[in-house]
Amino acid sequence: MVNLLDRLAITRGLRMRFAFAMACLTLTSIAQAQGLSAQASAQSSAQCGRMAHRGGSYRYEGVGFSAVSAQQAIRNCCYYGQRTPISIGVSRGRNGWYACVRYR
């Protein structure tokens, strides 16, 4: 019985540390990219391995992903083809291309 309780405590502790580390990594990446260029936002998404709208002082921002090509990632961004882009950033992550497009 004690052995099982010890295992549960260790497992819970590891889960909590992992969750805390992931939250810190995400918050750090978002803080670094917020208000910076579209390229910095795309690099942050690639490092984290997931797309995220980071906003900042831009009214319209689109994010996209593609496992095929950088151009496809840009075309997959929100508002693409509907608004005029003012800044485009693309970065390669471990599982594909991440893009961020900021619009006028």
N, C-alpha and C. Protein backbone atom coordinates (compact mmCIF):
# COMPACT_ATOMS: atom_id res chain seq x y z
N MET A 1 0.82 -1.20 0.00
CA MET A 1 0.00 0.00 0.00
C MET A 1 0.86 1.25 0.00
N VAL A 2 1.88 1.29 0.82
CA VAL A 2 2.76 2.46 0.88
C VAL A 2 3.49 2.64 -0.45
N ASN A 3 3.89 1.54 -1.03
CA ASN A 3 4.58 1.60 -2.30
C ASN A 3 3.71 2.27 -3.37
N LEU A 4 2.45 1.93 -3.44
CA LEU A 4 1.52 2.52 -4.40
C LEU A 4 1.34 4.01 -4.14
N LEU A 5 1.20 4.39 -2.87
CA LEU A 5 1.06 5.81 -2.54
C LEU A 5 2.31 6.60 -2.90
N ASP A 6 3.47 6.02 -2.67
CA ASP A 6 4.73 6.67 -3.05
C ASP A 6 4.79 6.88 -4.56
N ARG A 7 4.39 5.88 -5.32
CA ARG A 7 4.40 5.99 -6.78
C ARG A 7 3.45 7.08 -7.25
N LEU A 8 2.27 7.15 -6.66
CA LEU A 8 1.31 8.19 -7.03
C LEU A 8 1.85 9.58 -6.74
N ALA A 9 2.49 9.75 -5.60
CA ALA A 9 3.07 11.05 -5.23
C ALA A 9 4.17 11.45 -6.20
N ILE A 10 5.02 10.51 -6.57
CA ILE A 10 6.10 10.80 -7.51
C ILE A 10 5.53 11.16 -8.87
N THR A 11 4.55 10.39 -9.34
CA THR A 11 3.93 10.66 -10.63
C THR A 11 3.27 12.03 -10.64
N ARG A 12 2.55 12.36 -9.60
CA ARG A 12 1.88 13.66 -9.50
C ARG A 12 2.92 14.78 -9.51
N GLY A 13 4.00 14.61 -8.78
CA GLY A 13 5.06 15.62 -8.73
C GLY A 13 5.69 15.85 -10.09
N LEU A 14 5.96 14.77 -10.82
CA LEU A 14 6.55 14.89 -12.15
C LEU A 14 5.59 15.57 -13.11
N ARG A 15 4.32 15.22 -13.04
CA ARG A 15 3.32 15.86 -13.90
C ARG A 15 3.24 17.36 -13.64
N MET A 16 3.25 17.73 -12.36
CA MET A 16 3.16 19.14 -12.01
C MET A 16 4.39 19.90 -12.50
N ARG A 17 5.58 19.30 -12.36
CA ARG A 17 6.80 19.95 -12.84
C ARG A 17 6.78 20.09 -14.36
N PHE A 18 6.32 19.06 -15.05
CA PHE A 18 6.24 19.11 -16.50
C PHE A 18 5.26 20.20 -16.94
N ALA A 19 4.10 20.26 -16.32
CA ALA A 19 3.10 21.28 -16.67
C ALA A 19 3.65 22.68 -16.41
N PHE A 20 4.34 22.85 -15.30
CA PHE A 20 4.92 24.15 -14.98
C PHE A 20 5.99 24.54 -16.00
N ALA A 21 6.83 23.59 -16.39
CA ALA A 21 7.88 23.87 -17.37
C ALA A 21 7.27 24.25 -18.72
N MET A 22 6.23 23.55 -19.13
CA MET A 22 5.58 23.86 -20.41
C MET A 22 4.92 25.23 -20.37
N ALA A 23 4.27 25.57 -19.25
CA ALA A 23 3.64 26.89 -19.11
C ALA A 23 4.70 27.98 -19.19
N CYS A 24 5.82 27.78 -18.53
CA CYS A 24 6.90 28.77 -18.56
C CYS A 24 7.45 28.95 -19.96
N LEU A 25 7.66 27.83 -20.66
CA LEU A 25 8.17 27.88 -22.02
C LEU A 25 7.21 28.65 -22.93
N THR A 26 5.91 28.36 -22.82
CA THR A 26 4.91 29.03 -23.64
C THR A 26 4.86 30.51 -23.32
N LEU A 27 4.80 30.86 -22.05
CA LEU A 27 4.73 32.28 -21.67
C LEU A 27 5.97 33.03 -22.09
N THR A 28 7.13 32.42 -21.99
CA THR A 28 8.37 33.07 -22.41
C THR A 28 8.36 33.31 -23.91
N SER A 29 7.93 32.30 -24.67
CA SER A 29 7.90 32.45 -26.12
C SER A 29 6.92 33.53 -26.54
N ILE A 30 5.76 33.58 -25.91
CA ILE A 30 4.77 34.59 -26.24
C ILE A 30 5.28 35.97 -25.87
N ALA A 31 5.88 36.10 -24.70
CA ALA A 31 6.39 37.41 -24.27
C ALA A 31 7.49 37.89 -25.20
N GLN A 32 8.35 36.99 -25.68
CA GLN A 32 9.42 37.40 -26.57
C GLN A 32 8.89 37.85 -27.92
N ALA A 33 7.83 37.22 -28.40
CA ALA A 33 7.32 37.54 -29.73
C ALA A 33 6.31 38.67 -29.73
N GLN A 34 5.70 38.97 -28.61
CA GLN A 34 4.63 39.95 -28.57
C GLN A 34 5.16 41.34 -28.93
N GLY A 35 4.53 41.96 -29.90
CA GLY A 35 4.92 43.30 -30.31
C GLY A 35 6.12 43.32 -31.24
N LEU A 36 6.72 42.18 -31.54
CA LEU A 36 7.86 42.14 -32.43
C LEU A 36 7.39 41.82 -33.85
N SER A 37 8.32 41.49 -34.70
CA SER A 37 8.01 41.26 -36.11
C SER A 37 7.22 39.98 -36.33
N ALA A 38 6.68 39.86 -37.53
CA ALA A 38 5.98 38.63 -37.91
C ALA A 38 6.95 37.46 -37.92
N GLN A 39 8.21 37.73 -38.27
CA GLN A 39 9.22 36.67 -38.28
C GLN A 39 9.47 36.14 -36.87
N ALA A 40 9.54 37.04 -35.89
CA ALA A 40 9.74 36.61 -34.49
C ALA A 40 8.56 35.78 -34.01
N SER A 41 7.37 36.15 -34.43
CA SER A 41 6.18 35.38 -34.05
C SER A 41 6.20 33.99 -34.69
N ALA A 42 6.60 33.91 -35.96
CA ALA A 42 6.69 32.62 -36.65
C ALA A 42 7.76 31.74 -35.99
N GLN A 43 8.89 32.32 -35.62
CA GLN A 43 9.95 31.55 -34.96
C GLN A 43 9.50 31.03 -33.61
N SER A 44 8.74 31.84 -32.88
CA SER A 44 8.23 31.41 -31.59
C SER A 44 7.26 30.23 -31.76
N SER A 45 6.40 30.30 -32.77
CA SER A 45 5.48 29.19 -33.04
C SER A 45 6.25 27.93 -33.40
N ALA A 46 7.29 28.07 -34.21
CA ALA A 46 8.09 26.91 -34.61
C ALA A 46 8.80 26.29 -33.41
N GLN A 47 9.30 27.11 -32.51
CA GLN A 47 9.97 26.60 -31.32
C GLN A 47 9.01 25.85 -30.41
N CYS A 48 7.80 26.39 -30.25
CA CYS A 48 6.80 25.75 -29.39
C CYS A 48 6.15 24.55 -30.06
N GLY A 49 6.14 24.55 -31.39
CA GLY A 49 5.52 23.46 -32.11
C GLY A 49 4.02 23.61 -32.26
N ARG A 50 3.52 24.86 -32.10
CA ARG A 50 2.09 25.10 -32.31
C ARG A 50 1.84 26.55 -32.69
N MET A 51 0.77 26.76 -33.43
CA MET A 51 0.43 28.10 -33.88
C MET A 51 -0.24 28.87 -32.75
N ALA A 52 0.01 30.19 -32.73
CA ALA A 52 -0.65 31.03 -31.74
C ALA A 52 -0.71 32.46 -32.25
N HIS A 53 -1.85 33.10 -32.07
CA HIS A 53 -1.96 34.53 -32.37
C HIS A 53 -1.31 35.29 -31.23
N ARG A 54 -0.34 36.11 -31.55
CA ARG A 54 0.37 36.86 -30.52
C ARG A 54 -0.01 38.34 -30.53
N GLY A 55 -0.60 38.80 -31.60
CA GLY A 55 -1.13 40.15 -31.64
C GLY A 55 -0.08 41.23 -31.48
N GLY A 56 -0.17 41.95 -30.38
CA GLY A 56 0.68 43.11 -30.20
C GLY A 56 -0.07 44.34 -30.66
N SER A 57 0.59 45.17 -31.44
CA SER A 57 -0.04 46.42 -31.89
C SER A 57 -0.68 46.27 -33.26
N TYR A 58 -0.79 45.04 -33.77
CA TYR A 58 -1.37 44.84 -35.09
C TYR A 58 -2.84 44.49 -34.98
N ARG A 59 -3.62 45.08 -35.85
CA ARG A 59 -5.06 44.86 -35.81
C ARG A 59 -5.44 43.48 -36.37
N TYR A 60 -4.80 43.10 -37.46
CA TYR A 60 -5.10 41.82 -38.09
C TYR A 60 -3.83 40.99 -38.21
N GLU A 61 -3.91 39.77 -37.73
CA GLU A 61 -2.78 38.85 -37.80
C GLU A 61 -3.30 37.47 -38.16
N GLY A 62 -2.63 36.82 -39.08
CA GLY A 62 -2.99 35.46 -39.44
C GLY A 62 -1.82 34.53 -39.18
N VAL A 63 -2.11 33.33 -38.71
CA VAL A 63 -1.09 32.32 -38.51
C VAL A 63 -1.46 31.08 -39.31
N GLY A 64 -0.45 30.39 -39.81
CA GLY A 64 -0.71 29.20 -40.61
C GLY A 64 0.39 28.17 -40.44
N PHE A 65 0.08 26.96 -40.86
CA PHE A 65 1.02 25.84 -40.76
C PHE A 65 0.90 24.98 -42.01
N SER A 66 2.02 24.40 -42.41
CA SER A 66 2.01 23.42 -43.49
C SER A 66 3.19 22.48 -43.32
N ALA A 67 2.94 21.21 -43.56
CA ALA A 67 4.02 20.23 -43.56
C ALA A 67 4.65 20.13 -44.95
N VAL A 68 4.06 20.83 -45.93
CA VAL A 68 4.50 20.73 -47.32
C VAL A 68 5.55 21.78 -47.69
N SER A 69 5.21 23.07 -47.49
CA SER A 69 6.13 24.13 -47.90
C SER A 69 5.85 25.42 -47.13
N ALA A 70 6.82 26.32 -47.20
CA ALA A 70 6.68 27.62 -46.55
C ALA A 70 5.56 28.43 -47.22
N GLN A 71 5.50 28.38 -48.55
CA GLN A 71 4.47 29.12 -49.28
C GLN A 71 3.07 28.63 -48.91
N GLN A 72 2.92 27.32 -48.75
CA GLN A 72 1.62 26.77 -48.35
C GLN A 72 1.24 27.23 -46.94
N ALA A 73 2.21 27.33 -46.05
CA ALA A 73 1.94 27.82 -44.69
C ALA A 73 1.43 29.25 -44.74
N ILE A 74 2.02 30.07 -45.61
CA ILE A 74 1.56 31.46 -45.76
C ILE A 74 0.14 31.49 -46.30
N ARG A 75 -0.14 30.66 -47.30
CA ARG A 75 -1.49 30.62 -47.89
C ARG A 75 -2.53 30.12 -46.89
N ASN A 76 -2.11 29.34 -45.89
CA ASN A 76 -3.04 28.82 -44.88
C ASN A 76 -3.34 29.82 -43.76
N CYS A 77 -2.68 30.96 -43.78
CA CYS A 77 -2.89 31.96 -42.73
C CYS A 77 -4.28 32.60 -42.83
N CYS A 78 -4.82 32.96 -41.67
CA CYS A 78 -6.10 33.66 -41.61
C CYS A 78 -6.02 34.94 -42.45
N TYR A 79 -7.09 35.31 -43.08
CA TYR A 79 -7.24 36.53 -43.89
C TYR A 79 -6.41 36.54 -45.17
N TYR A 80 -5.64 35.48 -45.46
CA TYR A 80 -4.80 35.51 -46.65
C TYR A 80 -5.67 35.61 -47.90
N GLY A 81 -5.33 36.56 -48.77
CA GLY A 81 -6.10 36.81 -49.98
C GLY A 81 -7.26 37.75 -49.77
N GLN A 82 -7.54 38.13 -48.51
CA GLN A 82 -8.65 39.03 -48.21
C GLN A 82 -8.17 40.41 -47.77
N ARG A 83 -6.95 40.49 -47.25
CA ARG A 83 -6.38 41.74 -46.75
C ARG A 83 -4.98 41.93 -47.33
N THR A 84 -4.49 43.15 -47.21
CA THR A 84 -3.16 43.49 -47.73
C THR A 84 -2.09 43.18 -46.69
N PRO A 85 -1.15 42.27 -46.98
CA PRO A 85 -0.10 41.95 -46.01
C PRO A 85 0.89 43.11 -45.88
N ILE A 86 1.34 43.36 -44.66
CA ILE A 86 2.39 44.35 -44.44
C ILE A 86 3.67 43.70 -43.91
N SER A 87 3.55 42.49 -43.37
CA SER A 87 4.71 41.78 -42.83
C SER A 87 4.43 40.28 -42.86
N ILE A 88 5.40 39.52 -43.38
CA ILE A 88 5.26 38.06 -43.46
C ILE A 88 6.51 37.43 -42.86
N GLY A 89 6.29 36.44 -42.01
CA GLY A 89 7.40 35.70 -41.43
C GLY A 89 7.13 34.21 -41.52
N VAL A 90 8.17 33.43 -41.82
CA VAL A 90 8.04 31.98 -41.92
C VAL A 90 9.23 31.34 -41.22
N SER A 91 8.97 30.26 -40.50
CA SER A 91 10.04 29.55 -39.81
C SER A 91 9.77 28.05 -39.87
N ARG A 92 10.84 27.29 -39.98
CA ARG A 92 10.72 25.83 -40.04
C ARG A 92 10.79 25.25 -38.64
N GLY A 93 9.77 24.48 -38.29
CA GLY A 93 9.74 23.77 -37.02
C GLY A 93 10.07 22.31 -37.24
N ARG A 94 10.03 21.53 -36.20
CA ARG A 94 10.41 20.12 -36.34
C ARG A 94 9.38 19.31 -37.13
N ASN A 95 8.14 19.79 -37.20
CA ASN A 95 7.11 19.03 -37.91
C ASN A 95 6.55 19.76 -39.13
N GLY A 96 7.12 20.91 -39.51
CA GLY A 96 6.65 21.62 -40.68
C GLY A 96 6.98 23.10 -40.62
N TRP A 97 6.30 23.86 -41.48
CA TRP A 97 6.52 25.30 -41.60
C TRP A 97 5.43 26.06 -40.84
N TYR A 98 5.85 27.11 -40.14
CA TYR A 98 4.94 27.99 -39.40
C TYR A 98 5.04 29.38 -40.00
N ALA A 99 3.91 30.01 -40.21
CA ALA A 99 3.90 31.35 -40.82
C ALA A 99 3.07 32.32 -39.98
N CYS A 100 3.45 33.57 -40.07
CA CYS A 100 2.68 34.66 -39.46
C CYS A 100 2.60 35.78 -40.47
N VAL A 101 1.40 36.25 -40.74
CA VAL A 101 1.20 37.36 -41.67
C VAL A 101 0.44 38.45 -40.92
N ARG A 102 0.97 39.65 -40.98
CA ARG A 102 0.29 40.81 -40.37
C ARG A 102 -0.24 41.66 -41.51
N TYR A 103 -1.45 42.13 -41.33
CA TYR A 103 -2.16 42.83 -42.40
C TYR A 103 -2.45 44.27 -42.04
N ARG A 104 -2.66 45.05 -43.10
CA ARG A 104 -3.05 46.45 -42.95
C ARG A 104 -4.43 46.55 -42.40
